């Protein structure tokens, strides 16, 4: 689990009150994995979370790249690649393997809430409208996809949630130290 995936995992655990399971290997999935499965017992919701974060605003995903990422990570469609030996050229998909991974944890694929976390949500793009059209075109009747902003939602929520307690989790401890740093600097 890389740093941004760990921060998103802490967000789901701490701010959304979920049980979390990171880095789930997709068996027979050609080096594929699920970044995070999270379960909110109170809401009876299971989230499949994928994190793709870089801190440059110009790398903000477009509707076309969101569609490509959703297809690849949530539904196992291979990326378009040159050559005759690629999964794309052979028409090989991994949707069944992804759904089997859900099943290994007793999760029905029809009950998954899918979350794509990126640095910022595309500005000036009707993301909700795009997601509605995307879900309709893929036959996803319920439990749609959410695009989550790492910069505007995840970081502020963790900053607000985490206090100054001594956390054993490295991410939460870092947020705790930064919170206390900010508090002390503002007092001087």
N, C-alpha and C. Protein backbone atom coordinates (compact mmCIF):
# COMPACT_ATOMS: atom_id res chain seq x y z
N UNK A 1 0.86 -1.17 0.00
CA UNK A 1 0.00 0.00 0.00
C UNK A 1 0.91 1.23 0.00
N UNK A 2 0.70 2.11 -0.97
CA UNK A 2 1.52 3.32 -1.01
C UNK A 2 0.93 4.37 -0.06
N UNK A 3 1.60 5.50 0.06
CA UNK A 3 1.22 6.52 1.04
C UNK A 3 -0.19 7.04 0.82
N UNK A 4 -0.54 7.39 -0.41
CA UNK A 4 -1.88 7.93 -0.65
C UNK A 4 -2.96 6.88 -0.39
N UNK A 5 -2.69 5.63 -0.75
CA UNK A 5 -3.64 4.56 -0.46
C UNK A 5 -3.82 4.39 1.04
N UNK A 6 -2.72 4.51 1.80
CA UNK A 6 -2.79 4.40 3.26
C UNK A 6 -3.62 5.55 3.85
N UNK A 7 -3.44 6.75 3.33
CA UNK A 7 -4.22 7.90 3.82
C UNK A 7 -5.71 7.71 3.50
N UNK A 8 -6.02 7.22 2.31
CA UNK A 8 -7.42 6.98 1.95
C UNK A 8 -8.00 5.87 2.82
N UNK A 9 -7.21 4.84 3.11
CA UNK A 9 -7.66 3.77 4.01
C UNK A 9 -7.96 4.35 5.39
N UNK A 10 -7.09 5.23 5.90
CA UNK A 10 -7.32 5.86 7.20
C UNK A 10 -8.58 6.73 7.17
N UNK A 11 -8.83 7.40 6.06
CA UNK A 11 -10.04 8.21 5.89
C UNK A 11 -11.29 7.34 6.01
N UNK A 12 -11.31 6.20 5.29
CA UNK A 12 -12.48 5.34 5.36
C UNK A 12 -12.64 4.74 6.76
N UNK A 13 -11.56 4.40 7.39
CA UNK A 13 -11.61 3.81 8.73
C UNK A 13 -12.01 4.84 9.78
N UNK A 14 -11.44 6.03 9.71
CA UNK A 14 -11.61 7.03 10.75
C UNK A 14 -12.79 7.96 10.50
N UNK A 15 -12.97 8.42 9.28
CA UNK A 15 -14.01 9.41 8.97
C UNK A 15 -15.32 8.78 8.51
N UNK A 16 -15.24 7.66 7.82
CA UNK A 16 -16.46 7.00 7.34
C UNK A 16 -16.82 5.76 8.17
N UNK A 17 -16.07 5.54 9.25
CA UNK A 17 -16.36 4.47 10.21
C UNK A 17 -16.48 3.10 9.57
N UNK A 18 -15.49 2.75 8.77
CA UNK A 18 -15.51 1.48 8.05
C UNK A 18 -14.46 0.52 8.59
N UNK A 19 -14.76 -0.76 8.48
CA UNK A 19 -13.74 -1.79 8.61
C UNK A 19 -13.06 -1.82 7.25
N UNK A 20 -11.74 -1.95 7.24
CA UNK A 20 -11.02 -1.84 5.97
C UNK A 20 -10.12 -3.05 5.72
N UNK A 21 -9.96 -3.37 4.45
CA UNK A 21 -9.09 -4.44 4.01
C UNK A 21 -8.34 -3.95 2.77
N UNK A 22 -7.08 -3.62 2.92
CA UNK A 22 -6.31 -3.08 1.79
C UNK A 22 -5.61 -4.17 0.96
N UNK A 23 -5.22 -3.78 -0.25
CA UNK A 23 -4.36 -4.58 -1.12
C UNK A 23 -4.84 -6.01 -1.32
N UNK A 24 -5.96 -6.16 -1.96
CA UNK A 24 -6.53 -7.47 -2.19
C UNK A 24 -6.10 -7.95 -3.58
N UNK A 25 -5.38 -9.04 -3.60
CA UNK A 25 -4.89 -9.62 -4.84
C UNK A 25 -6.04 -10.20 -5.64
N UNK A 26 -6.06 -9.92 -6.94
CA UNK A 26 -7.03 -10.50 -7.85
C UNK A 26 -6.40 -11.78 -8.39
N UNK A 27 -6.89 -12.92 -7.96
CA UNK A 27 -6.33 -14.20 -8.39
C UNK A 27 -6.56 -14.37 -9.89
N UNK A 28 -5.49 -14.71 -10.60
CA UNK A 28 -5.58 -14.87 -12.05
C UNK A 28 -5.79 -13.54 -12.75
N UNK A 29 -5.43 -12.45 -12.09
CA UNK A 29 -5.71 -11.12 -12.61
C UNK A 29 -4.54 -10.40 -13.23
N UNK A 30 -3.46 -11.10 -13.57
CA UNK A 30 -2.34 -10.49 -14.27
C UNK A 30 -1.85 -9.22 -13.56
N UNK A 31 -1.37 -9.38 -12.34
CA UNK A 31 -0.83 -8.29 -11.51
C UNK A 31 -1.87 -7.25 -11.12
N UNK A 32 -3.09 -7.66 -10.94
CA UNK A 32 -4.15 -6.74 -10.53
C UNK A 32 -4.44 -6.90 -9.05
N UNK A 33 -4.89 -5.79 -8.47
CA UNK A 33 -5.32 -5.81 -7.07
C UNK A 33 -6.37 -4.76 -6.85
N UNK A 34 -7.14 -4.95 -5.79
CA UNK A 34 -8.08 -3.95 -5.32
C UNK A 34 -7.35 -3.15 -4.26
N UNK A 35 -7.32 -1.82 -4.41
CA UNK A 35 -6.61 -1.00 -3.43
C UNK A 35 -7.22 -1.15 -2.04
N UNK A 36 -8.56 -1.11 -1.96
CA UNK A 36 -9.20 -1.14 -0.65
C UNK A 36 -10.64 -1.63 -0.76
N UNK A 37 -11.02 -2.53 0.13
CA UNK A 37 -12.43 -2.82 0.38
C UNK A 37 -12.73 -2.26 1.76
N UNK A 38 -13.82 -1.55 1.88
CA UNK A 38 -14.21 -0.94 3.16
C UNK A 38 -15.68 -1.25 3.41
N UNK A 39 -16.00 -1.55 4.67
CA UNK A 39 -17.37 -1.90 5.01
C UNK A 39 -17.86 -1.04 6.16
N UNK A 40 -18.98 -0.36 5.92
CA UNK A 40 -19.63 0.42 6.97
C UNK A 40 -20.80 -0.42 7.48
N UNK A 41 -20.65 -0.94 8.67
CA UNK A 41 -21.64 -1.84 9.25
C UNK A 41 -22.98 -1.15 9.46
N UNK A 42 -22.94 0.08 9.94
CA UNK A 42 -24.17 0.82 10.22
C UNK A 42 -25.00 1.04 8.96
N UNK A 43 -24.35 1.39 7.86
CA UNK A 43 -25.04 1.64 6.59
C UNK A 43 -25.19 0.39 5.73
N UNK A 44 -24.51 -0.69 6.13
CA UNK A 44 -24.48 -1.93 5.35
C UNK A 44 -23.99 -1.65 3.93
N UNK A 45 -22.88 -0.91 3.84
CA UNK A 45 -22.30 -0.57 2.54
C UNK A 45 -20.89 -1.12 2.43
N UNK A 46 -20.61 -1.69 1.27
CA UNK A 46 -19.27 -2.15 0.95
C UNK A 46 -18.73 -1.26 -0.15
N UNK A 47 -17.54 -0.73 0.05
CA UNK A 47 -16.90 0.16 -0.92
C UNK A 47 -15.69 -0.54 -1.54
N UNK A 48 -15.60 -0.46 -2.86
CA UNK A 48 -14.38 -0.83 -3.57
C UNK A 48 -13.73 0.50 -3.92
N UNK A 49 -12.58 0.76 -3.32
CA UNK A 49 -11.92 2.07 -3.44
C UNK A 49 -10.62 1.91 -4.23
N UNK A 50 -10.47 2.75 -5.22
CA UNK A 50 -9.22 2.83 -5.99
C UNK A 50 -8.67 4.24 -5.84
N UNK A 51 -7.37 4.33 -5.65
CA UNK A 51 -6.73 5.62 -5.41
C UNK A 51 -5.70 5.90 -6.50
N UNK A 52 -5.83 7.05 -7.14
CA UNK A 52 -4.88 7.49 -8.16
C UNK A 52 -4.62 8.97 -7.92
N UNK A 53 -3.60 9.26 -7.13
CA UNK A 53 -3.37 10.62 -6.68
C UNK A 53 -1.99 11.11 -7.08
N UNK A 54 -1.97 12.27 -7.70
CA UNK A 54 -0.76 13.05 -7.88
C UNK A 54 -1.16 14.48 -7.55
N UNK A 55 -0.27 15.24 -7.01
CA UNK A 55 -0.64 16.55 -6.48
C UNK A 55 -0.61 17.69 -7.50
N UNK A 56 -0.44 17.40 -8.76
CA UNK A 56 -0.45 18.45 -9.79
C UNK A 56 -1.88 18.64 -10.30
N UNK A 57 -2.35 19.86 -10.28
CA UNK A 57 -3.71 20.13 -10.75
C UNK A 57 -3.89 19.79 -12.22
N UNK A 58 -2.85 19.94 -13.01
CA UNK A 58 -2.97 19.66 -14.44
C UNK A 58 -3.17 18.17 -14.73
N UNK A 59 -2.93 17.31 -13.74
CA UNK A 59 -3.13 15.87 -13.89
C UNK A 59 -4.53 15.45 -13.47
N UNK A 60 -5.38 16.42 -13.27
CA UNK A 60 -6.77 16.15 -12.90
C UNK A 60 -7.40 15.28 -13.99
N UNK A 61 -8.10 14.22 -13.60
CA UNK A 61 -8.67 13.34 -14.62
C UNK A 61 -9.74 14.04 -15.44
N UNK A 62 -9.85 13.62 -16.68
CA UNK A 62 -10.92 14.09 -17.56
C UNK A 62 -12.01 13.02 -17.57
N UNK A 63 -13.12 13.32 -18.19
CA UNK A 63 -14.19 12.33 -18.30
C UNK A 63 -13.68 11.09 -19.04
N UNK A 64 -12.89 11.29 -20.09
CA UNK A 64 -12.36 10.16 -20.86
C UNK A 64 -11.44 9.30 -20.00
N UNK A 65 -10.57 9.92 -19.21
CA UNK A 65 -9.67 9.13 -18.38
C UNK A 65 -10.42 8.48 -17.22
N UNK A 66 -11.44 9.15 -16.69
CA UNK A 66 -12.25 8.51 -15.64
C UNK A 66 -12.91 7.25 -16.19
N UNK A 67 -13.47 7.35 -17.38
CA UNK A 67 -14.12 6.19 -18.00
C UNK A 67 -13.12 5.04 -18.17
N UNK A 68 -11.93 5.36 -18.64
CA UNK A 68 -10.89 4.34 -18.83
C UNK A 68 -10.50 3.71 -17.49
N UNK A 69 -10.29 4.55 -16.47
CA UNK A 69 -9.92 4.04 -15.14
C UNK A 69 -11.02 3.18 -14.54
N UNK A 70 -12.26 3.63 -14.63
CA UNK A 70 -13.40 2.86 -14.10
C UNK A 70 -13.46 1.49 -14.78
N UNK A 71 -13.38 1.49 -16.13
CA UNK A 71 -13.45 0.23 -16.87
C UNK A 71 -12.33 -0.72 -16.44
N UNK A 72 -11.13 -0.19 -16.28
CA UNK A 72 -9.97 -1.01 -15.94
C UNK A 72 -10.03 -1.53 -14.51
N UNK A 73 -10.20 -0.63 -13.56
CA UNK A 73 -10.11 -1.01 -12.15
C UNK A 73 -11.37 -1.68 -11.60
N UNK A 74 -12.54 -1.23 -11.98
CA UNK A 74 -13.77 -1.76 -11.41
C UNK A 74 -14.37 -2.92 -12.22
N UNK A 75 -14.10 -2.94 -13.54
CA UNK A 75 -14.75 -3.94 -14.38
C UNK A 75 -13.79 -4.78 -15.21
N UNK A 76 -12.49 -4.64 -14.98
CA UNK A 76 -11.50 -5.55 -15.55
C UNK A 76 -11.20 -5.43 -17.02
N UNK A 77 -11.60 -4.33 -17.63
CA UNK A 77 -11.31 -4.15 -19.06
C UNK A 77 -9.83 -3.78 -19.20
N UNK A 78 -9.11 -4.44 -20.11
CA UNK A 78 -7.68 -4.12 -20.26
C UNK A 78 -7.47 -2.76 -20.93
N UNK A 79 -6.33 -2.18 -20.63
CA UNK A 79 -5.97 -0.92 -21.27
C UNK A 79 -5.58 -1.19 -22.72
N UNK A 80 -5.88 -0.22 -23.56
CA UNK A 80 -5.56 -0.36 -24.98
C UNK A 80 -4.05 -0.30 -25.15
N UNK A 81 -3.49 -1.37 -25.72
CA UNK A 81 -2.04 -1.45 -25.95
C UNK A 81 -1.77 -1.98 -27.34
N UNK A 82 -0.64 -1.58 -27.86
CA UNK A 82 -0.20 -2.06 -29.18
C UNK A 82 0.26 -3.51 -29.05
N UNK A 83 0.24 -4.19 -30.15
CA UNK A 83 0.78 -5.55 -30.19
C UNK A 83 -0.30 -6.61 -30.14
N UNK A 84 0.06 -7.80 -30.60
CA UNK A 84 -0.90 -8.89 -30.68
C UNK A 84 -0.93 -9.76 -29.43
N UNK A 85 0.03 -9.56 -28.53
CA UNK A 85 0.13 -10.41 -27.35
C UNK A 85 -0.43 -9.75 -26.09
N UNK A 86 -1.05 -8.61 -26.21
CA UNK A 86 -1.59 -7.92 -25.03
C UNK A 86 -2.98 -8.45 -24.68
N UNK A 87 -3.38 -8.24 -23.44
CA UNK A 87 -4.74 -8.62 -23.03
C UNK A 87 -5.78 -7.92 -23.90
N UNK A 88 -5.50 -6.67 -24.26
CA UNK A 88 -6.42 -5.91 -25.10
C UNK A 88 -6.59 -6.57 -26.47
N UNK A 89 -5.48 -6.94 -27.10
CA UNK A 89 -5.53 -7.56 -28.42
C UNK A 89 -6.22 -8.92 -28.38
N UNK A 90 -6.04 -9.63 -27.29
CA UNK A 90 -6.65 -10.96 -27.15
C UNK A 90 -8.09 -10.89 -26.65
N UNK A 91 -8.54 -9.68 -26.28
CA UNK A 91 -9.91 -9.52 -25.80
C UNK A 91 -10.13 -10.10 -24.41
N UNK A 92 -9.06 -10.23 -23.65
CA UNK A 92 -9.15 -10.81 -22.31
C UNK A 92 -9.55 -9.74 -21.30
N UNK A 93 -10.54 -10.06 -20.48
CA UNK A 93 -10.98 -9.15 -19.42
C UNK A 93 -10.85 -9.85 -18.07
N UNK A 94 -10.96 -9.07 -17.00
CA UNK A 94 -10.78 -9.59 -15.65
C UNK A 94 -11.97 -9.29 -14.74
N UNK A 95 -13.11 -9.02 -15.34
CA UNK A 95 -14.30 -8.72 -14.54
C UNK A 95 -14.65 -9.91 -13.64
N UNK A 96 -14.63 -11.11 -14.18
CA UNK A 96 -14.96 -12.29 -13.39
C UNK A 96 -14.00 -12.43 -12.21
N UNK A 97 -12.72 -12.21 -12.43
CA UNK A 97 -11.74 -12.34 -11.35
C UNK A 97 -11.96 -11.29 -10.26
N UNK A 98 -12.33 -10.07 -10.67
CA UNK A 98 -12.63 -9.02 -9.69
C UNK A 98 -13.86 -9.41 -8.89
N UNK A 99 -14.89 -9.86 -9.57
CA UNK A 99 -16.12 -10.27 -8.89
C UNK A 99 -15.88 -11.49 -7.99
N UNK A 100 -15.01 -12.40 -8.44
CA UNK A 100 -14.64 -13.55 -7.59
C UNK A 100 -13.92 -13.08 -6.33
N UNK A 101 -13.10 -12.04 -6.45
CA UNK A 101 -12.42 -11.50 -5.26
C UNK A 101 -13.44 -10.96 -4.26
N UNK A 102 -14.47 -10.27 -4.76
CA UNK A 102 -15.55 -9.84 -3.87
C UNK A 102 -16.18 -11.06 -3.19
N UNK A 103 -16.48 -12.07 -4.00
CA UNK A 103 -17.12 -13.27 -3.49
C UNK A 103 -16.32 -13.98 -2.42
N UNK A 104 -15.00 -13.91 -2.50
CA UNK A 104 -14.15 -14.52 -1.47
C UNK A 104 -14.40 -13.93 -0.09
N UNK A 105 -14.96 -12.73 -0.05
CA UNK A 105 -15.28 -12.07 1.22
C UNK A 105 -16.79 -12.05 1.48
N UNK A 106 -17.53 -12.82 0.67
CA UNK A 106 -18.98 -12.90 0.86
C UNK A 106 -19.72 -11.68 0.36
N UNK A 107 -19.12 -10.96 -0.58
CA UNK A 107 -19.70 -9.72 -1.09
C UNK A 107 -20.30 -9.97 -2.47
N UNK A 108 -21.52 -9.54 -2.64
CA UNK A 108 -22.19 -9.61 -3.94
C UNK A 108 -21.77 -8.38 -4.74
N UNK A 109 -21.28 -8.60 -5.95
CA UNK A 109 -20.80 -7.50 -6.80
C UNK A 109 -21.87 -6.45 -7.06
N UNK A 110 -23.15 -6.85 -7.01
CA UNK A 110 -24.23 -5.89 -7.23
C UNK A 110 -24.43 -4.94 -6.06
N UNK A 111 -23.78 -5.22 -4.94
CA UNK A 111 -23.93 -4.38 -3.75
C UNK A 111 -22.73 -3.48 -3.48
N UNK A 112 -21.81 -3.43 -4.40
CA UNK A 112 -20.58 -2.66 -4.23
C UNK A 112 -20.81 -1.18 -4.56
N UNK A 113 -20.32 -0.31 -3.69
CA UNK A 113 -20.23 1.12 -3.98
C UNK A 113 -18.79 1.34 -4.43
N UNK A 114 -18.63 1.88 -5.61
CA UNK A 114 -17.29 2.07 -6.17
C UNK A 114 -16.85 3.51 -5.96
N UNK A 115 -15.59 3.68 -5.50
CA UNK A 115 -15.06 5.01 -5.21
C UNK A 115 -13.72 5.17 -5.92
N UNK A 116 -13.62 6.25 -6.70
CA UNK A 116 -12.36 6.60 -7.36
C UNK A 116 -11.84 7.85 -6.67
N UNK A 117 -10.68 7.75 -6.05
CA UNK A 117 -10.09 8.90 -5.35
C UNK A 117 -8.95 9.46 -6.18
N UNK A 118 -9.04 10.75 -6.50
CA UNK A 118 -8.01 11.46 -7.25
C UNK A 118 -7.71 12.78 -6.53
N UNK A 119 -6.68 13.47 -6.94
CA UNK A 119 -6.28 14.70 -6.25
C UNK A 119 -7.42 15.70 -6.17
N UNK A 120 -7.97 16.07 -7.33
CA UNK A 120 -9.14 16.95 -7.35
C UNK A 120 -10.12 16.43 -8.38
N UNK A 121 -11.38 16.71 -8.14
CA UNK A 121 -12.43 16.35 -9.08
C UNK A 121 -12.35 17.32 -10.25
N UNK A 122 -12.54 16.84 -11.47
CA UNK A 122 -12.44 17.72 -12.63
C UNK A 122 -13.30 18.97 -12.49
N UNK A 123 -12.69 20.12 -12.73
CA UNK A 123 -13.36 21.41 -12.61
C UNK A 123 -14.12 21.68 -13.90
N UNK A 124 -15.35 22.15 -13.78
CA UNK A 124 -16.15 22.49 -14.94
C UNK A 124 -16.74 21.30 -15.66
N UNK A 125 -16.66 20.13 -15.03
CA UNK A 125 -17.21 18.92 -15.63
C UNK A 125 -18.37 18.44 -14.77
N UNK A 126 -19.45 18.08 -15.41
CA UNK A 126 -20.61 17.54 -14.70
C UNK A 126 -20.31 16.07 -14.38
N UNK A 127 -19.57 15.84 -13.28
CA UNK A 127 -19.15 14.49 -12.91
C UNK A 127 -20.36 13.62 -12.59
N UNK A 128 -21.34 14.18 -11.87
CA UNK A 128 -22.53 13.39 -11.53
C UNK A 128 -23.28 12.97 -12.80
N UNK A 129 -23.39 13.89 -13.75
CA UNK A 129 -24.04 13.56 -15.02
C UNK A 129 -23.27 12.48 -15.77
N UNK A 130 -21.94 12.61 -15.79
CA UNK A 130 -21.11 11.60 -16.44
C UNK A 130 -21.29 10.24 -15.77
N UNK A 131 -21.26 10.22 -14.43
CA UNK A 131 -21.39 8.94 -13.71
C UNK A 131 -22.75 8.32 -13.99
N UNK A 132 -23.80 9.14 -14.02
CA UNK A 132 -25.12 8.62 -14.36
C UNK A 132 -25.14 7.95 -15.72
N UNK A 133 -24.57 8.61 -16.72
CA UNK A 133 -24.52 8.05 -18.07
C UNK A 133 -23.64 6.80 -18.11
N UNK A 134 -22.51 6.86 -17.42
CA UNK A 134 -21.59 5.72 -17.39
C UNK A 134 -22.28 4.50 -16.78
N UNK A 135 -22.91 4.69 -15.63
CA UNK A 135 -23.59 3.58 -14.95
C UNK A 135 -24.70 3.01 -15.81
N UNK A 136 -25.46 3.86 -16.44
CA UNK A 136 -26.55 3.40 -17.31
C UNK A 136 -25.99 2.59 -18.47
N UNK A 137 -24.89 3.06 -19.07
CA UNK A 137 -24.30 2.35 -20.21
C UNK A 137 -23.68 1.02 -19.81
N UNK A 138 -23.35 0.86 -18.53
CA UNK A 138 -22.74 -0.39 -18.05
C UNK A 138 -23.73 -1.27 -17.30
N UNK A 139 -24.99 -0.85 -17.26
CA UNK A 139 -26.01 -1.65 -16.60
C UNK A 139 -25.91 -1.65 -15.09
N UNK A 140 -25.38 -0.58 -14.54
CA UNK A 140 -25.26 -0.47 -13.08
C UNK A 140 -26.48 0.32 -12.60
N UNK A 141 -27.45 -0.40 -12.07
CA UNK A 141 -28.72 0.23 -11.69
C UNK A 141 -28.64 0.95 -10.34
N UNK A 142 -27.89 0.39 -9.42
CA UNK A 142 -27.79 1.01 -8.10
C UNK A 142 -26.33 0.98 -7.66
N UNK A 143 -26.06 1.56 -6.53
CA UNK A 143 -24.71 1.60 -5.98
C UNK A 143 -23.71 2.20 -6.97
N UNK A 144 -23.90 3.44 -7.31
CA UNK A 144 -23.08 4.07 -8.35
C UNK A 144 -21.65 4.33 -7.90
N UNK A 145 -20.96 5.04 -8.74
CA UNK A 145 -19.56 5.37 -8.53
C UNK A 145 -19.46 6.78 -7.95
N UNK A 146 -18.54 6.94 -7.03
CA UNK A 146 -18.27 8.24 -6.42
C UNK A 146 -16.85 8.65 -6.81
N UNK A 147 -16.67 9.90 -7.18
CA UNK A 147 -15.33 10.44 -7.39
C UNK A 147 -15.02 11.30 -6.16
N UNK A 148 -13.97 10.94 -5.46
CA UNK A 148 -13.60 11.55 -4.19
C UNK A 148 -12.34 12.37 -4.37
N UNK A 149 -12.36 13.61 -3.89
CA UNK A 149 -11.19 14.48 -3.99
C UNK A 149 -10.28 14.29 -2.78
N UNK A 150 -9.06 13.86 -3.04
CA UNK A 150 -8.06 13.68 -1.99
C UNK A 150 -7.76 15.03 -1.32
N UNK A 151 -7.56 16.05 -2.15
CA UNK A 151 -7.20 17.38 -1.65
C UNK A 151 -8.35 18.06 -0.91
N UNK A 152 -9.55 18.01 -1.48
CA UNK A 152 -10.67 18.80 -0.96
C UNK A 152 -11.56 18.06 0.03
N UNK A 153 -11.49 16.73 0.06
CA UNK A 153 -12.35 15.96 0.97
C UNK A 153 -11.57 15.11 1.96
N UNK A 154 -10.63 14.29 1.47
CA UNK A 154 -9.93 13.34 2.34
C UNK A 154 -9.04 14.06 3.35
N UNK A 155 -8.15 14.92 2.88
CA UNK A 155 -7.23 15.61 3.80
C UNK A 155 -7.98 16.48 4.81
N UNK A 156 -8.93 17.34 4.38
CA UNK A 156 -9.63 18.16 5.38
C UNK A 156 -10.41 17.32 6.40
N UNK A 157 -11.03 16.24 5.97
CA UNK A 157 -11.80 15.40 6.90
C UNK A 157 -10.88 14.76 7.93
N UNK A 158 -9.72 14.26 7.49
CA UNK A 158 -8.78 13.68 8.44
C UNK A 158 -8.21 14.74 9.38
N UNK A 159 -7.91 15.93 8.85
CA UNK A 159 -7.41 17.00 9.71
C UNK A 159 -8.42 17.36 10.79
N UNK A 160 -9.69 17.35 10.43
CA UNK A 160 -10.74 17.69 11.39
C UNK A 160 -10.96 16.56 12.39
N UNK A 161 -10.92 15.32 11.93
CA UNK A 161 -11.25 14.16 12.75
C UNK A 161 -10.15 13.80 13.75
N UNK A 162 -8.91 13.91 13.31
CA UNK A 162 -7.80 13.44 14.13
C UNK A 162 -7.46 14.49 15.19
N UNK A 163 -7.37 14.03 16.43
CA UNK A 163 -7.00 14.91 17.54
C UNK A 163 -5.52 14.83 17.82
N UNK A 164 -5.15 15.10 19.05
CA UNK A 164 -3.74 15.11 19.43
C UNK A 164 -3.35 13.87 20.21
N UNK A 165 -4.20 12.86 20.20
CA UNK A 165 -3.88 11.60 20.89
C UNK A 165 -2.68 10.94 20.22
N UNK A 166 -2.10 10.03 20.95
CA UNK A 166 -0.96 9.28 20.41
C UNK A 166 -1.49 8.08 19.63
N UNK A 167 -1.54 8.21 18.33
CA UNK A 167 -2.05 7.16 17.46
C UNK A 167 -0.92 6.21 17.11
N UNK A 168 -1.22 4.93 17.01
CA UNK A 168 -0.24 3.92 16.60
C UNK A 168 -0.10 3.87 15.08
N UNK A 169 -1.13 4.27 14.37
CA UNK A 169 -1.10 4.29 12.92
C UNK A 169 -0.24 5.46 12.45
N UNK A 170 0.71 5.20 11.57
CA UNK A 170 1.64 6.25 11.11
C UNK A 170 0.93 7.42 10.46
N UNK A 171 -0.08 7.15 9.63
CA UNK A 171 -0.80 8.22 8.96
C UNK A 171 -1.54 9.09 9.97
N UNK A 172 -2.28 8.47 10.87
CA UNK A 172 -3.03 9.24 11.87
C UNK A 172 -2.08 9.99 12.80
N UNK A 173 -0.97 9.38 13.15
CA UNK A 173 0.01 10.06 14.01
C UNK A 173 0.58 11.28 13.28
N UNK A 174 0.85 11.16 12.00
CA UNK A 174 1.36 12.30 11.22
C UNK A 174 0.34 13.43 11.19
N UNK A 175 -0.93 13.10 10.93
CA UNK A 175 -1.98 14.13 10.95
C UNK A 175 -2.10 14.76 12.34
N UNK A 176 -1.96 13.95 13.38
CA UNK A 176 -2.03 14.45 14.74
C UNK A 176 -0.89 15.44 15.02
N UNK A 177 0.31 15.08 14.59
CA UNK A 177 1.47 15.97 14.78
C UNK A 177 1.30 17.27 13.99
N UNK A 178 0.81 17.17 12.77
CA UNK A 178 0.59 18.38 11.96
C UNK A 178 -0.48 19.26 12.57
N UNK A 179 -1.50 18.64 13.15
CA UNK A 179 -2.55 19.43 13.80
C UNK A 179 -1.98 20.20 14.99
N UNK A 180 -1.18 19.53 15.80
CA UNK A 180 -0.59 20.19 16.97
C UNK A 180 0.42 21.25 16.53
N UNK A 181 1.18 20.97 15.48
CA UNK A 181 2.11 21.96 14.94
C UNK A 181 1.36 23.23 14.55
N UNK A 182 0.29 23.07 13.78
CA UNK A 182 -0.51 24.21 13.32
C UNK A 182 -1.05 24.99 14.51
N UNK A 183 -1.55 24.28 15.50
CA UNK A 183 -2.10 24.91 16.69
C UNK A 183 -1.03 25.74 17.43
N UNK A 184 0.13 25.16 17.61
CA UNK A 184 1.20 25.86 18.34
C UNK A 184 1.74 27.04 17.56
N UNK A 185 1.90 26.90 16.26
CA UNK A 185 2.42 28.01 15.43
C UNK A 185 1.44 29.17 15.42
N UNK A 186 0.14 28.88 15.39
CA UNK A 186 -0.87 29.94 15.38
C UNK A 186 -0.90 30.72 16.69
N UNK A 187 -0.45 30.11 17.76
CA UNK A 187 -0.44 30.75 19.07
C UNK A 187 0.74 31.70 19.26
N UNK A 188 1.77 31.56 18.43
CA UNK A 188 2.96 32.41 18.59
C UNK A 188 2.84 33.69 17.82
